[in-house]
Amino acid sequence: GGGAVTAGGSLRLSCAASGIIFRPSFMGWY
């Protein structure tokens, strides 16, 4: 979902986890 945009615009990032996933205590963006 990253890319280039002009000021005032919008973007939506997605992050999909795969593998053995069980109740992550935290998910977020840096």
PDB file of all heavy atoms in Angstrom:
ATOM      1  N   GLY A   1       0.779  -1.237   0.000  1.00  0.00           N
ATOM      2  CA  GLY A   1       0.000   0.000   0.000  1.00  0.00           C
ATOM      3  C   GLY A   1       0.805   1.279   0.000  1.00  0.00           C
ATOM      4  O   GLY A   1       0.235   2.371  -0.067  1.00  0.00           O
ATOM      5  N   GLY A   2       2.107   1.186   0.089  1.00  0.00           N
ATOM      6  CA  GLY A   2       2.914   2.400   0.045  1.00  0.00           C
ATOM      7  C   GLY A   2       2.920   3.001  -1.354  1.00  0.00           C
ATOM      8  O   GLY A   2       2.403   2.430  -2.303  1.00  0.00           O
ATOM      9  N   GLY A   3       3.512   4.177  -1.457  1.00  0.00           N
ATOM     10  CA  GLY A   3       3.602   4.833  -2.758  1.00  0.00           C
ATOM     11  C   GLY A   3       3.838   6.311  -2.619  1.00  0.00           C
ATOM     12  O   GLY A   3       4.228   6.800  -1.558  1.00  0.00           O
ATOM     13  N   ALA A   4       3.602   7.008  -3.727  1.00  0.00           N
ATOM     14  CA  ALA A   4       3.799   8.450  -3.773  1.00  0.00           C
ATOM     15  C   ALA A   4       2.452   9.143  -3.876  1.00  0.00           C
ATOM     16  O   ALA A   4       1.570   8.691  -4.609  1.00  0.00           O
ATOM     17  CB  ALA A   4       4.683   8.829  -4.956  1.00  0.00           C
ATOM     18  N   VAL A   5       2.316  10.232  -3.155  1.00  0.00           N
ATOM     19  CA  VAL A   5       1.059  10.983  -3.141  1.00  0.00           C
ATOM     20  C   VAL A   5       1.371  12.447  -2.900  1.00  0.00           C
ATOM     21  O   VAL A   5       2.419  12.788  -2.320  1.00  0.00           O
ATOM     22  CB  VAL A   5       0.115  10.416  -2.044  1.00  0.00           C
ATOM     23  CG1 VAL A   5       0.699  10.635  -0.662  1.00  0.00           C
ATOM     24  CG2 VAL A   5      -1.286  10.972  -2.163  1.00  0.00           C
ATOM     25  N   THR A   6       0.511  13.319  -3.334  1.00  0.00           N
ATOM     26  CA  THR A   6       0.696  14.737  -3.060  1.00  0.00           C
ATOM     27  C   THR A   6       0.107  15.093  -1.700  1.00  0.00           C
ATOM     28  O   THR A   6      -0.758  14.367  -1.172  1.00  0.00           O
ATOM     29  CB  THR A   6       0.035  15.606  -4.137  1.00  0.00           C
ATOM     30  OG1 THR A   6      -1.343  15.246  -4.237  1.00  0.00           O
ATOM     31  CG2 THR A   6       0.710  15.407  -5.490  1.00  0.00           C
ATOM     32  N   ALA A   7       0.589  16.159  -1.139  1.00  0.00           N
ATOM     33  CA  ALA A   7       0.122  16.587   0.181  1.00  0.00           C
ATOM     34  C   ALA A   7      -1.396  16.742   0.186  1.00  0.00           C
ATOM     35  O   ALA A   7      -1.987  17.237  -0.768  1.00  0.00           O
ATOM     36  CB  ALA A   7       0.790  17.907   0.563  1.00  0.00           C
ATOM     37  N   GLY A   8      -1.993  16.286   1.276  1.00  0.00           N
ATOM     38  CA  GLY A   8      -3.442  16.300   1.401  1.00  0.00           C
ATOM     39  C   GLY A   8      -4.099  15.016   0.960  1.00  0.00           C
ATOM     40  O   GLY A   8      -5.294  14.805   1.216  1.00  0.00           O
ATOM     41  N   GLY A   9      -3.330  14.161   0.320  1.00  0.00           N
ATOM     42  CA  GLY A   9      -3.867  12.897  -0.157  1.00  0.00           C
ATOM     43  C   GLY A   9      -3.921  11.831   0.912  1.00  0.00           C
ATOM     44  O   GLY A   9      -3.600  12.081   2.087  1.00  0.00           O
ATOM     45  N   SER A  10      -4.317  10.643   0.497  1.00  0.00           N
ATOM     46  CA  SER A  10      -4.490   9.524   1.412  1.00  0.00           C
ATOM     47  C   SER A  10      -3.821   8.271   0.874  1.00  0.00           C
ATOM     48  O   SER A  10      -3.689   8.097  -0.346  1.00  0.00           O
ATOM     49  CB  SER A  10      -5.983   9.235   1.618  1.00  0.00           C
ATOM     50  OG  SER A  10      -6.652  10.332   2.183  1.00  0.00           O
ATOM     51  N   LEU A  11      -3.422   7.423   1.795  1.00  0.00           N
ATOM     52  CA  LEU A  11      -2.923   6.097   1.478  1.00  0.00           C
ATOM     53  C   LEU A  11      -3.397   5.145   2.568  1.00  0.00           C
ATOM     54  O   LEU A  11      -3.607   5.556   3.711  1.00  0.00           O
ATOM     55  CB  LEU A  11      -1.395   6.062   1.413  1.00  0.00           C
ATOM     56  CG  LEU A  11      -0.701   6.676   0.198  1.00  0.00           C
ATOM     57  CD1 LEU A  11       0.809   6.694   0.422  1.00  0.00           C
ATOM     58  CD2 LEU A  11      -1.042   5.899  -1.067  1.00  0.00           C
ATOM     59  N   ARG A  12      -3.499   3.885   2.195  1.00  0.00           N
ATOM     60  CA  ARG A  12      -3.835   2.860   3.163  1.00  0.00           C
ATOM     61  C   ARG A  12      -2.782   1.764   3.096  1.00  0.00           C
ATOM     62  O   ARG A  12      -2.577   1.146   2.045  1.00  0.00           O
ATOM     63  CB  ARG A  12      -5.210   2.268   2.887  1.00  0.00           C
ATOM     64  CG  ARG A  12      -5.708   1.323   3.979  1.00  0.00           C
ATOM     65  CD  ARG A  12      -6.952   0.589   3.545  1.00  0.00           C
ATOM     66  NE  ARG A  12      -7.620  -0.092   4.646  1.00  0.00           N
ATOM     67  CZ  ARG A  12      -8.256  -1.246   4.515  1.00  0.00           C
ATOM     68  NH1 ARG A  12      -8.306  -1.839   3.339  1.00  0.00           N
ATOM     69  NH2 ARG A  12      -8.876  -1.789   5.548  1.00  0.00           N
ATOM     70  N   LEU A  13      -2.127   1.531   4.226  1.00  0.00           N
ATOM     71  CA  LEU A  13      -1.129   0.483   4.315  1.00  0.00           C
ATOM     72  C   LEU A  13      -1.756  -0.762   4.923  1.00  0.00           C
ATOM     73  O   LEU A  13      -2.620  -0.666   5.804  1.00  0.00           O
ATOM     74  CB  LEU A  13       0.047   0.929   5.174  1.00  0.00           C
ATOM     75  CG  LEU A  13       0.760   2.228   4.774  1.00  0.00           C
ATOM     76  CD1 LEU A  13       1.944   2.474   5.715  1.00  0.00           C
ATOM     77  CD2 LEU A  13       1.205   2.194   3.344  1.00  0.00           C
ATOM     78  N   SER A  14      -1.299  -1.900   4.463  1.00  0.00           N
ATOM     79  CA  SER A  14      -1.732  -3.180   5.021  1.00  0.00           C
ATOM     80  C   SER A  14      -0.511  -3.999   5.378  1.00  0.00           C
ATOM     81  O   SER A  14       0.533  -3.901   4.722  1.00  0.00           O
ATOM     82  CB  SER A  14      -2.568  -3.959   4.002  1.00  0.00           C
ATOM     83  OG  SER A  14      -3.722  -3.249   3.628  1.00  0.00           O
ATOM     84  N   CYS A  15      -0.640  -4.802   6.403  1.00  0.00           N
ATOM     85  CA  CYS A  15       0.435  -5.694   6.822  1.00  0.00           C
ATOM     86  C   CYS A  15      -0.194  -7.019   7.223  1.00  0.00           C
ATOM     87  O   CYS A  15      -0.936  -7.078   8.207  1.00  0.00           O
ATOM     88  CB  CYS A  15       1.215  -5.093   7.976  1.00  0.00           C
ATOM     89  SG  CYS A  15       2.454  -6.190   8.685  1.00  0.00           S
ATOM     90  N   ALA A  16       0.115  -8.044   6.443  1.00  0.00           N
ATOM     91  CA  ALA A  16      -0.452  -9.359   6.687  1.00  0.00           C
ATOM     92  C   ALA A  16       0.606 -10.276   7.293  1.00  0.00           C
ATOM     93  O   ALA A  16       1.711 -10.394   6.745  1.00  0.00           O
ATOM     94  CB  ALA A  16      -0.985  -9.942   5.388  1.00  0.00           C
ATOM     95  N   ALA A  17       0.252 -10.910   8.386  1.00  0.00           N
ATOM     96  CA  ALA A  17       1.148 -11.850   9.047  1.00  0.00           C
ATOM     97  C   ALA A  17       0.791 -13.265   8.628  1.00  0.00           C
ATOM     98  O   ALA A  17      -0.385 -13.619   8.543  1.00  0.00           O
ATOM     99  CB  ALA A  17       1.052 -11.700  10.556  1.00  0.00           C
ATOM    100  N   SER A  18       1.817 -14.053   8.388  1.00  0.00           N
ATOM    101  CA  SER A  18       1.599 -15.459   8.039  1.00  0.00           C
ATOM    102  C   SER A  18       2.488 -16.340   8.903  1.00  0.00           C
ATOM    103  O   SER A  18       3.453 -15.881   9.500  1.00  0.00           O
ATOM    104  CB  SER A  18       1.896 -15.684   6.554  1.00  0.00           C
ATOM    105  OG  SER A  18       3.255 -15.408   6.271  1.00  0.00           O
ATOM    106  N   GLY A  19       2.140 -17.621   8.921  1.00  0.00           N
ATOM    107  CA  GLY A  19       2.849 -18.550   9.782  1.00  0.00           C
ATOM    108  C   GLY A  19       1.965 -18.901  10.967  1.00  0.00           C
ATOM    109  O   GLY A  19       0.747 -18.772  10.912  1.00  0.00           O
ATOM    110  N   ILE A  20       2.591 -19.336  12.035  1.00  0.00           N
ATOM    111  CA  ILE A  20       1.831 -19.682  13.243  1.00  0.00           C
ATOM    112  C   ILE A  20       1.597 -18.395  14.024  1.00  0.00           C
ATOM    113  O   ILE A  20       2.509 -17.834  14.618  1.00  0.00           O
ATOM    114  CB  ILE A  20       2.581 -20.712  14.093  1.00  0.00           C
ATOM    115  CG1 ILE A  20       2.784 -22.003  13.299  1.00  0.00           C
ATOM    116  CG2 ILE A  20       1.803 -20.991  15.379  1.00  0.00           C
ATOM    117  CD1 ILE A  20       3.625 -23.042  14.015  1.00  0.00           C
ATOM    118  N   ILE A  21       0.353 -17.928  13.990  1.00  0.00           N
ATOM    119  CA  ILE A  21      -0.022 -16.681  14.645  1.00  0.00           C
ATOM    120  C   ILE A  21      -1.049 -16.988  15.722  1.00  0.00           C
ATOM    121  O   ILE A  21      -2.063 -17.634  15.447  1.00  0.00           O
ATOM    122  CB  ILE A  21      -0.620 -15.672  13.640  1.00  0.00           C
ATOM    123  CG1 ILE A  21       0.270 -15.508  12.414  1.00  0.00           C
ATOM    124  CG2 ILE A  21      -0.887 -14.335  14.330  1.00  0.00           C
ATOM    125  CD1 ILE A  21       1.629 -14.942  12.707  1.00  0.00           C
ATOM    126  N   PHE A  22      -0.793 -16.520  16.936  1.00  0.00           N
ATOM    127  CA  PHE A  22      -1.725 -16.761  18.031  1.00  0.00           C
ATOM    128  C   PHE A  22      -1.793 -15.539  18.918  1.00  0.00           C
ATOM    129  O   PHE A  22      -0.869 -15.234  19.661  1.00  0.00           O
ATOM    130  CB  PHE A  22      -1.314 -17.977  18.853  1.00  0.00           C
ATOM    131  CG  PHE A  22      -2.287 -18.316  19.943  1.00  0.00           C
ATOM    132  CD1 PHE A  22      -3.508 -18.897  19.645  1.00  0.00           C
ATOM    133  CD2 PHE A  22      -1.993 -18.032  21.279  1.00  0.00           C
ATOM    134  CE1 PHE A  22      -4.423 -19.198  20.645  1.00  0.00           C
ATOM    135  CE2 PHE A  22      -2.892 -18.331  22.290  1.00  0.00           C
ATOM    136  CZ  PHE A  22      -4.105 -18.910  21.966  1.00  0.00           C
ATOM    137  N   ARG A  23      -2.874 -14.816  18.786  1.00  0.00           N
ATOM    138  CA  ARG A  23      -3.192 -13.690  19.648  1.00  0.00           C
ATOM    139  C   ARG A  23      -2.018 -12.732  19.845  1.00  0.00           C
ATOM    140  O   ARG A  23      -1.516 -12.582  20.974  1.00  0.00           O
ATOM    141  CB  ARG A  23      -3.702 -14.166  21.014  1.00  0.00           C
ATOM    142  CG  ARG A  23      -5.004 -14.926  20.931  1.00  0.00           C
ATOM    143  CD  ARG A  23      -5.496 -15.328  22.309  1.00  0.00           C
ATOM    144  NE  ARG A  23      -6.744 -16.072  22.238  1.00  0.00           N
ATOM    145  CZ  ARG A  23      -7.350 -16.604  23.290  1.00  0.00           C
ATOM    146  NH1 ARG A  23      -6.830 -16.461  24.495  1.00  0.00           N
ATOM    147  NH2 ARG A  23      -8.480 -17.263  23.140  1.00  0.00           N
ATOM    148  N   PRO A  24      -1.566 -12.067  18.806  1.00  0.00           N
ATOM    149  CA  PRO A  24      -0.501 -11.073  18.985  1.00  0.00           C
ATOM    150  C   PRO A  24      -0.907 -10.025  20.015  1.00  0.00           C
ATOM    151  O   PRO A  24      -2.037  -9.536  19.986  1.00  0.00           O
ATOM    152  CB  PRO A  24      -0.351 -10.454  17.600  1.00  0.00           C
ATOM    153  CG  PRO A  24      -0.894 -11.485  16.663  1.00  0.00           C
ATOM    154  CD  PRO A  24      -2.009 -12.156  17.419  1.00  0.00           C
ATOM    155  N   SER A  25      -0.006  -9.685  20.889  1.00  0.00           N
ATOM    156  CA  SER A  25      -0.314  -8.692  21.909  1.00  0.00           C
ATOM    157  C   SER A  25      -0.227  -7.279  21.354  1.00  0.00           C
ATOM    158  O   SER A  25      -0.747  -6.337  21.955  1.00  0.00           O
ATOM    159  CB  SER A  25       0.629  -8.837  23.098  1.00  0.00           C
ATOM    160  OG  SER A  25       1.980  -8.679  22.675  1.00  0.00           O
ATOM    161  N   PHE A  26       0.431  -7.136  20.212  1.00  0.00           N
ATOM    162  CA  PHE A  26       0.581  -5.820  19.622  1.00  0.00           C
ATOM    163  C   PHE A  26       0.774  -5.965  18.124  1.00  0.00           C
ATOM    164  O   PHE A  26       1.476  -6.857  17.651  1.00  0.00           O
ATOM    165  CB  PHE A  26       1.804  -5.093  20.215  1.00  0.00           C
ATOM    166  CG  PHE A  26       2.131  -3.785  19.539  1.00  0.00           C
ATOM    167  CD1 PHE A  26       1.540  -2.605  19.961  1.00  0.00           C
ATOM    168  CD2 PHE A  26       3.012  -3.736  18.467  1.00  0.00           C
ATOM    169  CE1 PHE A  26       1.819  -1.402  19.337  1.00  0.00           C
ATOM    170  CE2 PHE A  26       3.306  -2.539  17.838  1.00  0.00           C
ATOM    171  CZ  PHE A  26       2.704  -1.367  18.274  1.00  0.00           C
ATOM    172  N   MET A  27       0.132  -5.069  17.388  1.00  0.00           N
ATOM    173  CA  MET A  27       0.398  -4.913  15.970  1.00  0.00           C
ATOM    174  C   MET A  27       0.387  -3.423  15.682  1.00  0.00           C
ATOM    175  O   MET A  27      -0.486  -2.697  16.183  1.00  0.00           O
ATOM    176  CB  MET A  27      -0.647  -5.627  15.099  1.00  0.00           C
ATOM    177  CG  MET A  27      -0.657  -7.132  15.278  1.00  0.00           C
ATOM    178  SD  MET A  27      -1.744  -7.987  14.101  1.00  0.00           S
ATOM    179  CE  MET A  27      -0.707  -8.010  12.625  1.00  0.00           C
ATOM    180  N   GLY A  28       1.345  -2.971  14.914  1.00  0.00           N
ATOM    181  CA  GLY A  28       1.381  -1.536  14.662  1.00  0.00           C
ATOM    182  C   GLY A  28       2.390  -1.139  13.618  1.00  0.00           C
ATOM    183  O   GLY A  28       2.993  -1.991  12.958  1.00  0.00           O
ATOM    184  N   TRP A  29       2.543   0.149  13.492  1.00  0.00           N
ATOM    185  CA  TRP A  29       3.365   0.738  12.448  1.00  0.00           C
ATOM    186  C   TRP A  29       4.409   1.689  13.022  1.00  0.00           C
ATOM    187  O   TRP A  29       4.095   2.500  13.891  1.00  0.00           O
ATOM    188  CB  TRP A  29       2.481   1.510  11.467  1.00  0.00           C
ATOM    189  CG  TRP A  29       1.543   0.627  10.732  1.00  0.00           C
ATOM    190  CD1 TRP A  29       0.273   0.270  11.102  1.00  0.00           C
ATOM    191  CD2 TRP A  29       1.802  -0.036   9.486  1.00  0.00           C
ATOM    192  NE1 TRP A  29      -0.270  -0.575  10.176  1.00  0.00           N
ATOM    193  CE2 TRP A  29       0.642  -0.784   9.175  1.00  0.00           C
ATOM    194  CE3 TRP A  29       2.880  -0.082   8.617  1.00  0.00           C
ATOM    195  CZ2 TRP A  29       0.559  -1.558   8.015  1.00  0.00           C
ATOM    196  CZ3 TRP A  29       2.789  -0.847   7.468  1.00  0.00           C
ATOM    197  CH2 TRP A  29       1.642  -1.569   7.180  1.00  0.00           C
ATOM    198  N   TYR A  30       5.592   1.565  12.515  1.00  0.00           N
ATOM    199  CA  TYR A  30       6.683   2.485  12.804  1.00  0.00           C
ATOM    200  C   TYR A  30       7.105   3.133  11.497  1.00  0.00           C
ATOM    201  O   TYR A  30       6.810   2.633  10.414  1.00  0.00           O
ATOM    202  CB  TYR A  30       7.866   1.744  13.418  1.00  0.00           C
ATOM    203  CG  TYR A  30       7.652   1.302  14.837  1.00  0.00           C
ATOM    204  CD1 TYR A  30       6.779   0.269  15.153  1.00  0.00           C
ATOM    205  CD2 TYR A  30       8.337   1.921  15.886  1.00  0.00           C
ATOM    206  CE1 TYR A  30       6.578  -0.132  16.458  1.00  0.00           C
ATOM    207  CE2 TYR A  30       8.155   1.516  17.205  1.00  0.00           C
ATOM    208  CZ  TYR A  30       7.287   0.492  17.473  1.00  0.00           C
ATOM    209  OH  TYR A  30       7.094   0.103  18.774  1.00  0.00           O
TER     210      TYR A  30
END
